[in-house]
Amino acid sequence: MSDEHFYDLVIIGGGPGGYVCAIRAAQLGGRVALIEKADLGGVCANAGCIPTKALHASADKGLSFEEAKKRMKNAVARSNKGVEFLLKSNNVDVVKGEAKLVSVNQVEVGEKLINGTNIVIATGSCDAELPHIRFGGHVLSGPGLLNLETMPETLAVIGGGYIGCEFASIFNSFGSKVSIIEADGRLLPRIGENEIAETLEKCMKRKGIDVFTNCKVDSVNGNQIIAGGRRIEAVKILLSVGRKPVFPAGLDKIGVNVGKQGILVDEKMKTNIGGVYAIGDAVGGGLAHVASAYGIVAAENILGYENKKGMDYSVIPSCVFTFPEIATVGDIKE
């Protein structure tokens, strides 16, 4: 392979963890390559945070769904251009293509062999499925729902976490008849405060959303859901039961340890293999700004920044863009 390149950092993945890590490393004097197989910005910019928040902001402005979709697409395009500009202005080399780990300091992208003193894995996550419910037909992922050009008359949401609740609120606001089904005893089971979930459920019901908690989905057949003895029909079904980490090809060959949530790292984002770091959804977490914080921690520790610190989880903010909106800070417990 004749096309060979050398860097201080090679980052696999251009989402909010990867591109922030790249920029911070470049600011500290590192020579940085960022590998991305799709659009810069990752799921957050292209099929998550940015498009859903753009729709949320349009939902109470009297816009039609078609007008809101146009506004959403413009917001995504602006975000992509912004990320591209930041990387270019910080002299980060962006390599387009799918990365394959060849060794602990070599990554293959097509015909290119990219060498890095340090490798940062920032490959993100994808929508999870259930063993008996798969994407296809009437059953859509979040990105699939965002790709709809017309508002479905009815929508059933399987999963009452923050993503499911946000989509339920947004599509309800545009006129879709929405049902939300959650296996746990309440909505937002990851937020350890019952009062928040109870208030949200009351608000949703007042807006005409049917909320079913303690309700497990037994089967989906076409546009029909059987859950807790009920039959629920919907034109479209959103399956929103969490996300699972995505790993680059070759990860197993270099011996990186992986746990239930993702790649195992310490507070400085180091894996068990020297010179190999991991950040963002690839290690678990699920919040874009947490991924960015991971990226800064990794970059500063790799390049010997004098104030380098480990990751601090004590004051992480979190928002849920429902109606009403919800915000928490830190570790919320009962």
Protein backbone atom coordinates (compact mmCIF):
# COMPACT_ATOMS: atom_id res chain seq x y z
CA MET A 1 0.00 0.00 0.00
CA SER A 2 1.85 3.09 -1.29
CA ASP A 3 -0.34 5.93 0.03
CA GLU A 4 0.90 6.25 3.64
CA HIS A 5 0.38 9.10 6.14
CA PHE A 6 1.65 9.87 9.68
CA TYR A 7 -0.10 11.73 12.53
CA ASP A 8 0.01 12.30 16.28
CA LEU A 9 -3.69 11.41 16.51
CA VAL A 10 -5.92 9.42 14.20
CA ILE A 11 -9.58 9.79 15.17
CA ILE A 12 -12.16 7.37 13.79
CA GLY A 13 -15.55 9.08 13.66
CA GLY A 14 -16.57 12.67 13.02
CA GLY A 15 -19.43 13.10 15.48
CA PRO A 16 -19.51 15.50 18.47
CA GLY A 17 -16.87 13.44 20.26
CA GLY A 18 -14.54 12.95 17.32
CA TYR A 19 -14.54 16.41 15.78
CA VAL A 20 -14.20 18.19 19.15
CA CYS A 21 -11.30 15.89 20.03
CA ALA A 22 -9.68 16.68 16.67
CA ILE A 23 -10.02 20.44 17.10
CA ARG A 24 -8.69 20.42 20.67
CA ALA A 25 -5.73 18.24 19.68
CA ALA A 26 -4.92 20.55 16.77
CA GLN A 27 -5.12 23.58 19.09
CA LEU A 28 -2.52 21.89 21.31
CA GLY A 29 -0.16 21.47 18.37
CA GLY A 30 -0.93 17.93 17.32
CA ARG A 31 -1.03 16.72 13.74
CA VAL A 32 -4.51 15.22 13.43
CA ALA A 33 -6.44 13.06 10.97
CA LEU A 34 -10.19 12.57 11.30
CA ILE A 35 -11.77 9.65 9.45
CA GLU A 36 -15.50 9.79 8.68
CA LYS A 37 -17.45 7.45 6.41
CA ALA A 38 -20.63 9.55 6.22
CA ASP A 39 -21.54 13.18 6.97
CA LEU A 40 -19.52 15.18 9.49
CA GLY A 41 -21.32 15.81 12.76
CA GLY A 42 -22.43 12.21 13.29
CA VAL A 43 -25.91 11.12 14.34
CA CYS A 44 -26.35 14.22 16.52
CA ALA A 45 -26.02 16.70 13.66
CA ASN A 46 -27.65 14.65 10.93
CA ALA A 47 -30.29 12.40 12.48
CA GLY A 48 -30.61 13.31 16.15
CA CYS A 49 -30.03 16.46 18.20
CA ILE A 50 -30.05 19.11 15.46
CA PRO A 51 -32.99 17.91 13.31
CA THR A 52 -35.22 16.99 16.26
CA LYS A 53 -34.57 20.30 18.04
CA ALA A 54 -35.27 22.17 14.80
CA LEU A 55 -38.62 20.38 14.53
CA HIS A 56 -39.32 21.04 18.22
CA ALA A 57 -38.64 24.76 17.73
CA SER A 58 -41.07 24.82 14.78
CA ALA A 59 -43.82 22.78 16.43
CA ASP A 60 -45.48 25.68 18.26
CA LYS A 61 -44.91 28.31 15.55
CA GLY A 62 -47.90 27.43 13.37
CA LEU A 63 -45.77 25.94 10.59
CA SER A 64 -46.93 22.96 8.58
CA PHE A 65 -44.93 19.74 8.86
CA GLU A 66 -43.60 20.29 5.34
CA GLU A 67 -42.43 23.82 6.22
CA ALA A 68 -40.85 22.54 9.43
CA LYS A 69 -39.03 19.79 7.50
CA LYS A 70 -37.54 22.40 5.16
CA ARG A 71 -36.37 24.44 8.15
CA MET A 72 -34.93 21.26 9.70
CA LYS A 73 -32.94 20.41 6.58
CA ASN A 74 -31.51 23.94 6.46
CA ALA A 75 -30.44 23.65 10.11
CA VAL A 76 -28.67 20.35 9.41
CA ALA A 77 -26.89 21.81 6.38
CA ARG A 78 -25.70 24.82 8.39
CA SER A 79 -24.46 22.54 11.15
CA ASN A 80 -22.51 20.38 8.70
CA LYS A 81 -20.89 23.40 7.10
CA GLY A 82 -19.98 24.74 10.54
CA VAL A 83 -18.21 21.51 11.53
CA GLU A 84 -16.40 21.38 8.19
CA PHE A 85 -15.24 24.99 8.61
CA LEU A 86 -13.98 24.41 12.16
CA LEU A 87 -11.96 21.37 11.14
CA LYS A 88 -10.47 23.12 8.12
CA SER A 89 -9.60 26.29 10.06
CA ASN A 90 -7.80 24.16 12.67
CA ASN A 91 -5.82 22.28 9.99
CA VAL A 92 -7.36 18.89 10.70
CA ASP A 93 -7.01 16.47 7.78
CA VAL A 94 -10.42 14.92 7.06
CA VAL A 95 -10.29 11.50 5.41
CA LYS A 96 -13.52 10.20 3.88
CA GLY A 97 -14.14 6.48 3.99
CA GLU A 98 -14.57 3.52 6.29
CA ALA A 99 -11.77 2.83 8.75
CA LYS A 100 -10.29 -0.58 9.51
CA LEU A 101 -7.88 -1.02 12.40
CA VAL A 102 -4.77 -2.81 11.16
CA SER A 103 -2.71 -2.50 14.35
CA VAL A 104 -2.58 -0.37 17.50
CA ASN A 105 -1.18 2.53 15.47
CA GLN A 106 -2.35 1.90 11.92
CA VAL A 107 -5.71 2.46 10.24
CA GLU A 108 -6.61 1.46 6.72
CA VAL A 109 -9.05 3.58 4.69
CA GLY A 110 -9.45 2.24 1.18
CA GLU A 111 -6.00 2.41 -0.40
CA LYS A 112 -4.63 4.69 2.31
CA LEU A 113 -2.62 3.51 5.30
CA ILE A 114 -2.82 6.08 8.08
CA ASN A 115 -0.32 5.86 10.93
CA GLY A 116 -1.02 7.42 14.31
CA THR A 117 1.03 7.55 17.47
CA ASN A 118 -2.39 7.49 19.14
CA ILE A 119 -5.75 6.19 17.93
CA VAL A 120 -9.06 7.60 19.21
CA ILE A 121 -12.17 5.51 18.57
CA ALA A 122 -15.25 7.73 18.25
CA THR A 123 -17.52 5.56 16.13
CA GLY A 124 -20.77 6.38 17.95
CA SER A 125 -23.87 4.24 18.22
CA CYS A 126 -26.94 3.08 16.30
CA ASP A 127 -30.58 2.45 17.15
CA ALA A 128 -31.17 -0.80 19.03
CA GLU A 129 -33.79 -3.36 18.02
CA LEU A 130 -35.68 -5.92 20.07
CA PRO A 131 -35.27 -9.65 19.39
CA HIS A 132 -38.87 -9.90 18.21
CA ILE A 133 -39.18 -6.43 16.64
CA ARG A 134 -36.92 -5.32 13.79
CA PHE A 135 -36.78 -2.22 11.64
CA GLY A 136 -38.63 -2.46 8.35
CA GLY A 137 -42.09 -1.92 6.92
CA HIS A 138 -44.15 0.15 9.35
CA VAL A 139 -41.42 0.00 12.04
CA LEU A 140 -38.98 2.91 11.82
CA SER A 141 -35.91 4.15 13.65
CA GLY A 142 -35.54 7.80 14.67
CA PRO A 143 -33.68 8.70 11.45
CA GLY A 144 -36.33 6.82 9.47
CA LEU A 145 -39.07 8.87 11.11
CA LEU A 146 -37.18 12.10 10.34
CA ASN A 147 -37.00 11.08 6.68
CA LEU A 148 -40.79 11.04 6.32
CA GLU A 149 -41.99 13.79 4.01
CA THR A 150 -45.59 13.78 5.26
CA MET A 151 -47.02 13.64 8.76
CA PRO A 152 -48.46 10.20 9.63
CA GLU A 153 -52.06 10.38 10.79
CA THR A 154 -51.22 8.03 13.67
CA LEU A 155 -47.90 7.17 15.33
CA ALA A 156 -47.11 4.55 17.98
CA VAL A 157 -43.87 4.96 19.91
CA ILE A 158 -42.35 1.86 21.50
CA GLY A 159 -40.11 3.13 24.28
CA GLY A 160 -40.70 5.99 26.71
CA GLY A 161 -37.13 7.17 27.16
CA TYR A 162 -36.04 10.69 26.26
CA ILE A 163 -35.85 10.00 22.50
CA GLY A 164 -39.27 8.36 22.38
CA CYS A 165 -40.85 11.11 24.48
CA GLU A 166 -39.34 13.84 22.31
CA PHE A 167 -40.65 12.28 19.08
CA ALA A 168 -44.06 11.67 20.66
CA SER A 169 -44.32 15.32 21.73
CA ILE A 170 -43.12 16.71 18.41
CA PHE A 171 -45.37 14.61 16.19
CA ASN A 172 -48.35 15.22 18.49
CA SER A 173 -47.76 18.96 18.12
CA PHE A 174 -47.94 18.67 14.34
CA GLY A 175 -51.28 16.88 14.54
CA SER A 176 -50.44 13.18 14.59
CA LYS A 177 -52.46 10.98 16.96
CA VAL A 178 -49.72 9.49 19.16
CA SER A 179 -49.53 6.51 21.51
CA ILE A 180 -46.44 5.82 23.61
CA ILE A 181 -45.73 2.39 25.11
CA GLU A 182 -43.20 1.90 27.93
CA ALA A 183 -42.35 -1.40 29.65
CA ASP A 184 -41.20 0.37 32.82
CA GLY A 185 -43.59 1.70 35.45
CA ARG A 186 -43.14 5.28 34.24
CA LEU A 187 -41.79 7.40 31.41
CA LEU A 188 -38.13 8.48 31.40
CA PRO A 189 -36.94 5.54 33.52
CA ARG A 190 -33.31 6.72 33.35
CA ILE A 191 -34.17 9.98 35.12
CA GLY A 192 -34.22 9.06 38.80
CA GLU A 193 -37.02 11.39 39.83
CA ASN A 194 -40.63 10.21 39.79
CA GLU A 195 -42.13 13.70 40.00
CA ILE A 196 -40.58 14.69 36.67
CA ALA A 197 -41.93 11.62 34.89
CA GLU A 198 -45.37 11.94 36.47
CA THR A 199 -45.64 15.60 35.46
CA LEU A 200 -44.62 14.82 31.89
CA GLU A 201 -47.16 11.99 31.65
CA LYS A 202 -49.96 14.30 32.86
CA CYS A 203 -48.97 16.96 30.31
CA MET A 204 -48.84 14.41 27.49
CA LYS A 205 -52.27 13.05 28.34
CA ARG A 206 -53.72 16.59 28.40
CA LYS A 207 -52.39 17.04 24.87
CA GLY A 208 -54.15 13.87 23.72
CA ILE A 209 -51.20 11.45 23.77
CA ASP A 210 -52.14 7.95 24.92
CA VAL A 211 -49.54 6.80 27.47
CA PHE A 212 -49.23 3.12 28.38
CA THR A 213 -46.70 2.29 31.12
CA ASN A 214 -45.99 -1.15 32.63
CA CYS A 215 -46.83 -2.34 29.15
CA LYS A 216 -44.57 -4.75 27.26
CA VAL A 217 -44.94 -5.19 23.52
CA ASP A 218 -45.69 -8.82 22.69
CA SER A 219 -45.68 -8.54 18.91
CA VAL A 220 -45.87 -6.25 15.92
CA ASN A 221 -47.69 -7.44 12.82
CA GLY A 222 -47.83 -4.88 10.03
CA ASN A 223 -49.30 -1.74 11.56
CA GLN A 224 -50.73 -3.54 14.60
CA ILE A 225 -49.07 -3.75 18.02
CA ILE A 226 -50.13 -6.24 20.68
CA ALA A 227 -49.03 -4.91 24.08
CA GLY A 228 -50.36 -5.76 27.53
CA GLY A 229 -53.54 -7.27 26.11
CA ARG A 230 -54.20 -4.17 23.97
CA ARG A 231 -54.28 -3.88 20.20
CA ILE A 232 -52.82 -0.57 19.04
CA GLU A 233 -52.88 0.40 15.36
CA ALA A 234 -50.72 3.10 13.80
CA VAL A 235 -49.70 4.20 10.31
CA LYS A 236 -46.09 4.39 11.51
CA ILE A 237 -44.35 2.77 14.47
CA LEU A 238 -41.22 4.25 16.06
CA LEU A 239 -39.00 1.68 17.79
CA SER A 240 -37.04 3.67 20.37
CA VAL A 241 -35.60 1.24 22.92
CA GLY A 242 -32.12 2.67 23.31
CA ARG A 243 -28.89 2.69 21.35
CA LYS A 244 -25.99 0.28 21.01
CA PRO A 245 -22.32 1.15 20.40
CA VAL A 246 -20.75 0.82 16.98
CA PHE A 247 -17.15 -0.39 16.71
CA PRO A 248 -14.66 -0.06 13.84
CA ALA A 249 -13.59 -3.12 11.88
CA GLY A 250 -10.53 -4.76 13.39
CA LEU A 251 -11.19 -3.71 16.99
CA ASP A 252 -11.15 -7.31 18.20
CA LYS A 253 -7.81 -7.97 16.51
CA ILE A 254 -5.95 -5.35 18.54
CA GLY A 255 -7.24 -6.63 21.87
CA VAL A 256 -9.32 -3.72 23.17
CA ASN A 257 -11.56 -4.73 26.08
CA VAL A 258 -15.31 -4.28 25.56
CA GLY A 259 -18.04 -4.39 28.22
CA LYS A 260 -21.85 -4.41 28.18
CA GLN A 261 -22.13 -0.66 27.53
CA GLY A 262 -19.22 -0.33 25.11
CA ILE A 263 -15.44 -0.03 25.07
CA LEU A 264 -13.95 -0.01 28.56
CA VAL A 265 -11.95 3.12 29.41
CA ASP A 266 -10.53 4.86 32.47
CA GLU A 267 -11.25 8.47 33.54
CA LYS A 268 -8.76 9.71 30.93
CA MET A 269 -10.50 7.76 28.14
CA LYS A 270 -7.63 5.26 27.84
CA THR A 271 -8.41 1.68 26.86
CA ASN A 272 -6.39 -1.30 28.08
CA ILE A 273 -4.15 -0.94 25.02
CA GLY A 274 -1.46 1.74 25.16
CA GLY A 275 -2.02 4.57 22.69
CA VAL A 276 -5.64 3.59 22.01
CA TYR A 277 -8.43 5.78 23.42
CA ALA A 278 -12.22 5.66 23.05
CA ILE A 279 -14.86 8.37 23.49
CA GLY A 280 -18.54 9.11 22.97
CA ASP A 281 -21.27 6.54 22.44
CA ALA A 282 -18.64 3.89 21.64
CA VAL A 283 -18.02 3.77 25.41
CA GLY A 284 -21.67 4.42 26.43
CA GLY A 285 -23.25 7.60 27.72
CA GLY A 286 -25.56 8.76 24.97
CA LEU A 287 -25.28 12.56 25.21
CA ALA A 288 -23.55 14.68 22.56
CA HIS A 289 -22.06 17.17 25.00
CA VAL A 290 -20.69 14.32 27.11
CA ALA A 291 -19.03 12.92 23.99
CA SER A 292 -17.46 16.34 23.37
CA ALA A 293 -16.18 16.44 26.96
CA TYR A 294 -14.72 12.96 26.46
CA GLY A 295 -12.98 14.25 23.33
CA ILE A 296 -11.36 17.17 25.15
CA VAL A 297 -10.18 14.91 27.98
CA ALA A 298 -8.64 12.46 25.50
CA ALA A 299 -6.90 15.16 23.44
CA GLU A 300 -5.43 16.92 26.48
CA ASN A 301 -4.14 13.70 28.00
CA ILE A 302 -2.65 12.46 24.74
CA LEU A 303 -0.77 15.69 24.07
CA GLY A 304 0.43 16.28 27.63
CA TYR A 305 -1.62 19.40 28.35
CA GLU A 306 -0.36 20.73 31.69
CA ASN A 307 -3.84 20.93 33.23
CA LYS A 308 -4.96 17.54 31.97
CA LYS A 309 -7.76 16.03 34.03
CA GLY A 310 -9.97 13.00 34.06
CA MET A 311 -13.66 13.00 33.20
CA ASP A 312 -15.94 14.57 35.83
CA TYR A 313 -19.47 13.13 35.82
CA SER A 314 -20.81 15.06 38.83
CA VAL A 315 -22.38 18.06 37.08
CA ILE A 316 -23.43 16.81 33.65
CA PRO A 317 -26.52 18.68 32.36
CA SER A 318 -29.28 16.89 30.49
CA CYS A 319 -32.33 18.17 28.60
CA VAL A 320 -35.45 16.50 27.24
CA PHE A 321 -37.17 18.53 24.51
CA THR A 322 -40.77 17.60 25.16
CA PHE A 323 -43.67 19.96 25.92
CA PRO A 324 -42.88 21.07 28.59
CA GLU A 325 -39.10 20.87 28.33
CA ILE A 326 -37.14 19.15 31.11
CA ALA A 327 -33.65 19.93 32.39
CA THR A 328 -31.53 18.21 35.02
CA VAL A 329 -27.97 18.66 36.26
CA GLY A 330 -25.77 16.08 37.91
CA ASP A 331 -26.70 12.69 39.28
CA ILE A 332 -30.45 12.81 39.91
CA LYS A 333 -31.58 10.19 42.43
CA GLU A 334 -34.82 9.40 44.26
